């Protein structure tokens, strides 16, 4: 709790120190805490009156304080794209964040050359694919959680669940996720998107790798997430 008070006191000091110039845009302090993860405290450094929007409904004592350049205009949408290769699976996936830095991200596209059925679908920590998809490392997990379903609190940021390939081997991807972001220190841009050979058990399979990889098998396709 002491760490929370320190951070909030710092935020209050920064806000109250602003010049009282009514002709300038407001500084905004936004506290967000999706799914009870550590809150991101964004402070827009534009001079002017202060306004705090606090949507933190968590009892978590952890806050990340992030300062970003002044921008009086509403945030513009951010876009990223992945071209899958590195294995049998191919396709293009687009990522869209309409309200950065904290808005949810839409992930959509089509993947071909899969076996019919469910396939684990994850963001991995590294965008290095020199040795193929194995070079992407493990799931992107900045909060050091166990692997799980994207609907669960206990999950990696990179856990996107399963995609379903039809009898022709084509999977249509349409996912909206609240933890993935395309901006800031937790951005997934530059990391890898990976499709697995088998079904992700979402951490509930009881296999030795269920809580790390979902026992989803080998990697049949991958690509680096790049700015579009």
Protein backbone atom coordinates (compact mmCIF):
# COMPACT_ATOMS: atom_id res chain seq x y z
CA UNK A 1 0.00 0.00 0.00
CA UNK A 2 2.91 2.36 0.76
CA UNK A 3 4.06 2.05 -2.88
CA UNK A 4 0.61 3.08 -4.09
CA UNK A 5 0.60 6.16 -1.88
CA UNK A 6 4.07 7.14 -3.07
CA UNK A 7 3.09 6.87 -6.72
CA UNK A 8 -0.20 8.71 -6.23
CA UNK A 9 1.57 11.42 -4.26
CA UNK A 10 4.06 11.80 -7.09
CA UNK A 11 1.24 12.06 -9.60
CA UNK A 12 -0.52 14.66 -7.44
CA UNK A 13 2.67 16.70 -7.15
CA UNK A 14 3.19 16.67 -10.89
CA UNK A 15 -0.43 17.67 -11.51
CA UNK A 16 -0.63 20.48 -8.96
CA UNK A 17 2.61 21.98 -10.21
CA UNK A 18 1.07 22.76 -13.59
CA UNK A 19 0.63 26.43 -14.58
CA UNK A 20 -2.96 27.55 -14.37
CA UNK A 21 -3.35 28.58 -17.99
CA UNK A 22 -6.93 28.07 -19.14
CA UNK A 23 -6.00 28.53 -22.79
CA UNK A 24 -4.09 25.25 -22.84
CA UNK A 25 -5.38 21.71 -22.98
CA UNK A 26 -5.90 19.68 -19.82
CA UNK A 27 -3.24 17.38 -18.52
CA UNK A 28 -4.77 13.94 -18.12
CA UNK A 29 -3.85 11.36 -15.52
CA UNK A 30 -5.35 7.99 -16.40
CA UNK A 31 -5.15 4.98 -14.10
CA UNK A 32 -6.15 1.69 -15.69
CA UNK A 33 -6.03 -1.84 -14.39
CA UNK A 34 -7.45 -4.39 -16.85
CA UNK A 35 -8.20 -7.78 -15.31
CA UNK A 36 -6.48 -6.87 -12.02
CA UNK A 37 -3.03 -6.66 -13.61
CA UNK A 38 -0.58 -4.00 -12.41
CA UNK A 39 -2.06 -0.58 -13.10
CA UNK A 40 -0.55 1.64 -15.77
CA UNK A 41 -0.48 5.26 -14.63
CA UNK A 42 -0.16 7.41 -17.77
CA UNK A 43 0.54 11.12 -17.32
CA UNK A 44 0.18 13.46 -20.28
CA UNK A 45 2.63 16.26 -19.59
CA UNK A 46 0.63 18.98 -21.38
CA UNK A 47 0.37 22.09 -19.20
CA UNK A 48 -3.02 23.22 -17.95
CA UNK A 49 -5.74 22.08 -15.58
CA UNK A 50 -5.60 18.54 -14.28
CA UNK A 51 -8.26 15.88 -14.47
CA UNK A 52 -7.97 12.36 -13.08
CA UNK A 53 -9.88 9.40 -14.43
CA UNK A 54 -9.52 6.46 -12.06
CA UNK A 55 -10.87 3.12 -13.25
CA UNK A 56 -8.72 1.08 -10.88
CA UNK A 57 -11.06 -1.36 -9.15
CA UNK A 58 -8.22 -3.56 -7.92
CA UNK A 59 -6.65 -3.94 -4.53
CA UNK A 60 -3.30 -4.53 -6.19
CA UNK A 61 -0.53 -2.34 -4.69
CA UNK A 62 1.46 -2.34 -7.93
CA UNK A 63 1.48 0.67 -10.24
CA UNK A 64 3.59 1.42 -13.29
CA UNK A 65 4.23 5.14 -13.75
CA UNK A 66 4.62 6.04 -17.42
CA UNK A 67 5.31 9.57 -18.66
CA UNK A 68 4.64 10.28 -22.32
CA UNK A 69 4.98 13.44 -24.46
CA UNK A 70 2.26 16.05 -24.41
CA UNK A 71 -0.40 15.52 -27.06
CA UNK A 72 -3.57 17.62 -26.76
CA UNK A 73 -5.36 15.64 -29.48
CA UNK A 74 -7.19 12.34 -28.94
CA UNK A 75 -4.94 9.31 -29.49
CA UNK A 76 -4.92 8.05 -33.05
CA UNK A 77 -5.43 4.33 -33.79
CA UNK A 78 -2.34 2.15 -34.07
CA UNK A 79 -1.91 -0.68 -36.56
CA UNK A 80 0.42 -3.65 -36.90
CA UNK A 81 0.68 -6.60 -39.27
CA UNK A 82 2.16 -10.10 -39.25
CA UNK A 83 2.99 -12.19 -42.33
CA UNK A 84 3.18 -15.82 -41.23
CA UNK A 85 5.81 -18.20 -42.53
CA UNK A 86 8.55 -20.30 -41.00
CA UNK A 87 6.52 -23.48 -41.40
CA UNK A 88 3.56 -24.99 -43.18
CA UNK A 89 1.02 -22.37 -42.07
CA UNK A 90 0.76 -19.14 -44.04
CA UNK A 91 -1.37 -16.03 -43.79
CA UNK A 92 -1.57 -12.38 -42.83
CA UNK A 93 -2.81 -11.11 -39.47
CA UNK A 94 -3.65 -7.48 -38.72
CA UNK A 95 -3.69 -5.89 -35.26
CA UNK A 96 -5.64 -2.71 -34.52
CA UNK A 97 -5.72 -0.62 -31.33
CA UNK A 98 -8.31 2.13 -31.72
CA UNK A 99 -7.71 3.78 -28.34
CA UNK A 100 -4.04 3.49 -27.36
CA UNK A 101 -2.33 3.21 -24.97
CA UNK A 102 -4.81 1.20 -22.90
CA UNK A 103 -7.58 0.21 -25.32
CA UNK A 104 -8.13 -3.40 -26.37
CA UNK A 105 -6.52 -4.77 -29.52
CA UNK A 106 -8.37 -6.47 -32.36
CA UNK A 107 -6.48 -9.34 -34.04
CA UNK A 108 -7.90 -10.60 -37.33
CA UNK A 109 -6.97 -12.37 -40.53
CA UNK A 110 -6.88 -15.75 -42.26
CA UNK A 111 -4.39 -18.60 -41.85
CA UNK A 112 -4.09 -21.46 -44.35
CA UNK A 113 -2.36 -24.85 -44.61
CA UNK A 114 -3.36 -26.04 -41.15
CA UNK A 115 -4.64 -29.45 -40.16
CA UNK A 116 -8.38 -29.38 -39.36
CA UNK A 117 -9.14 -28.62 -35.72
CA UNK A 118 -7.89 -26.38 -32.93
CA UNK A 119 -4.43 -24.80 -32.89
CA UNK A 120 -2.72 -22.86 -30.11
CA UNK A 121 -2.21 -19.21 -31.03
CA UNK A 122 0.19 -17.08 -29.01
CA UNK A 123 2.41 -14.00 -28.98
CA UNK A 124 5.97 -15.05 -28.13
CA UNK A 125 8.60 -12.90 -26.48
CA UNK A 126 11.19 -12.60 -29.25
CA UNK A 127 11.00 -11.31 -32.81
CA UNK A 128 14.14 -13.21 -33.73
CA UNK A 129 13.42 -15.97 -36.27
CA UNK A 130 16.91 -16.76 -37.54
CA UNK A 131 16.48 -20.44 -36.71
CA UNK A 132 12.80 -20.53 -37.60
CA UNK A 133 9.90 -20.36 -35.19
CA UNK A 134 11.89 -21.93 -32.37
CA UNK A 135 13.89 -18.68 -32.10
CA UNK A 136 10.78 -16.83 -30.90
CA UNK A 137 11.34 -18.06 -27.33
CA UNK A 138 8.51 -18.61 -24.88
CA UNK A 139 5.14 -16.92 -24.56
CA UNK A 140 5.24 -13.17 -23.94
CA UNK A 141 4.76 -13.01 -20.16
CA UNK A 142 5.89 -9.67 -18.65
CA UNK A 143 3.85 -10.21 -15.46
CA UNK A 144 5.31 -13.68 -14.73
CA UNK A 145 2.01 -15.56 -14.65
CA UNK A 146 1.14 -19.16 -15.45
CA UNK A 147 -0.20 -20.03 -18.88
CA UNK A 148 -3.98 -19.97 -19.18
CA UNK A 149 -7.05 -19.05 -21.16
CA UNK A 150 -7.31 -15.50 -22.55
CA UNK A 151 -10.53 -15.19 -20.51
CA UNK A 152 -8.76 -15.97 -17.23
CA UNK A 153 -6.93 -13.67 -14.81
CA UNK A 154 -4.05 -16.13 -14.63
CA UNK A 155 -2.56 -16.00 -18.12
CA UNK A 156 0.35 -14.73 -20.14
CA UNK A 157 -0.20 -11.49 -22.06
CA UNK A 158 0.63 -13.56 -25.14
CA UNK A 159 -2.03 -16.20 -24.46
CA UNK A 160 -4.61 -15.87 -27.24
CA UNK A 161 -6.18 -19.31 -26.88
CA UNK A 162 -6.99 -21.44 -29.94
CA UNK A 163 -7.97 -20.83 -33.52
CA UNK A 164 -10.15 -23.32 -35.41
CA UNK A 165 -9.17 -24.61 -38.85
CA UNK A 166 -11.97 -26.01 -41.01
CA UNK A 167 -11.79 -29.19 -43.11
CA UNK A 168 -9.86 -27.30 -45.79
CA UNK A 169 -7.20 -26.18 -43.32
CA UNK A 170 -8.26 -22.54 -43.19
CA UNK A 171 -8.74 -20.64 -39.91
CA UNK A 172 -10.44 -17.26 -39.69
CA UNK A 173 -8.99 -15.26 -36.81
CA UNK A 174 -11.14 -12.69 -35.02
CA UNK A 175 -9.89 -11.97 -31.50
CA UNK A 176 -10.24 -8.92 -29.26
CA UNK A 177 -7.87 -8.82 -26.30
CA UNK A 178 -7.64 -6.34 -23.37
CA UNK A 179 -4.03 -7.03 -22.34
CA UNK A 180 -2.24 -6.84 -25.69
CA UNK A 181 -1.10 -3.32 -26.62
CA UNK A 182 0.73 -1.80 -29.58
CA UNK A 183 2.33 1.09 -27.65
CA UNK A 184 4.30 1.69 -24.48
CA UNK A 185 6.71 -0.51 -22.53
CA UNK A 186 4.46 -3.59 -22.88
CA UNK A 187 4.02 -3.27 -26.64
CA UNK A 188 3.94 -6.52 -28.64
CA UNK A 189 5.37 -4.81 -31.73
CA UNK A 190 8.65 -6.50 -32.62
CA UNK A 191 7.62 -9.77 -30.98
CA UNK A 192 6.44 -12.92 -32.77
CA UNK A 193 3.01 -14.41 -33.41
CA UNK A 194 3.11 -18.22 -33.45
CA UNK A 195 0.64 -20.90 -34.57
CA UNK A 196 1.05 -24.34 -33.02
CA UNK A 197 0.48 -27.83 -34.39
CA UNK A 198 -1.94 -28.86 -31.67
CA UNK A 199 -4.66 -27.62 -29.37
CA UNK A 200 -3.81 -25.38 -26.42
CA UNK A 201 -5.20 -27.00 -23.24
CA UNK A 202 -5.42 -23.51 -21.66
CA UNK A 203 -3.40 -24.60 -18.65
CA UNK A 204 -5.91 -27.24 -17.55
CA UNK A 205 -4.57 -30.39 -19.18
CA UNK A 206 -2.43 -31.63 -16.33
CA UNK A 207 0.54 -32.11 -18.64
CA UNK A 208 4.00 -31.02 -17.40
CA UNK A 209 3.94 -28.19 -19.96
CA UNK A 210 0.29 -27.15 -19.45
CA UNK A 211 1.18 -24.14 -17.29
CA UNK A 212 3.94 -22.93 -19.62
CA UNK A 213 2.84 -23.70 -23.20
CA UNK A 214 -0.60 -25.28 -22.95
CA UNK A 215 0.94 -28.47 -24.39
CA UNK A 216 0.12 -27.12 -27.85
CA UNK A 217 2.87 -29.00 -29.67
CA UNK A 218 5.31 -27.81 -32.32
CA UNK A 219 5.28 -24.50 -34.16
CA UNK A 220 3.83 -24.64 -37.67
CA UNK A 221 3.88 -20.93 -38.49
CA UNK A 222 5.28 -17.68 -37.15
CA UNK A 223 5.94 -14.07 -38.05
CA UNK A 224 7.23 -10.85 -36.51
CA UNK A 225 4.67 -8.21 -35.52
CA UNK A 226 5.56 -5.02 -37.39
CA UNK A 227 4.12 -1.52 -37.51
CA UNK A 228 1.66 -1.15 -40.40
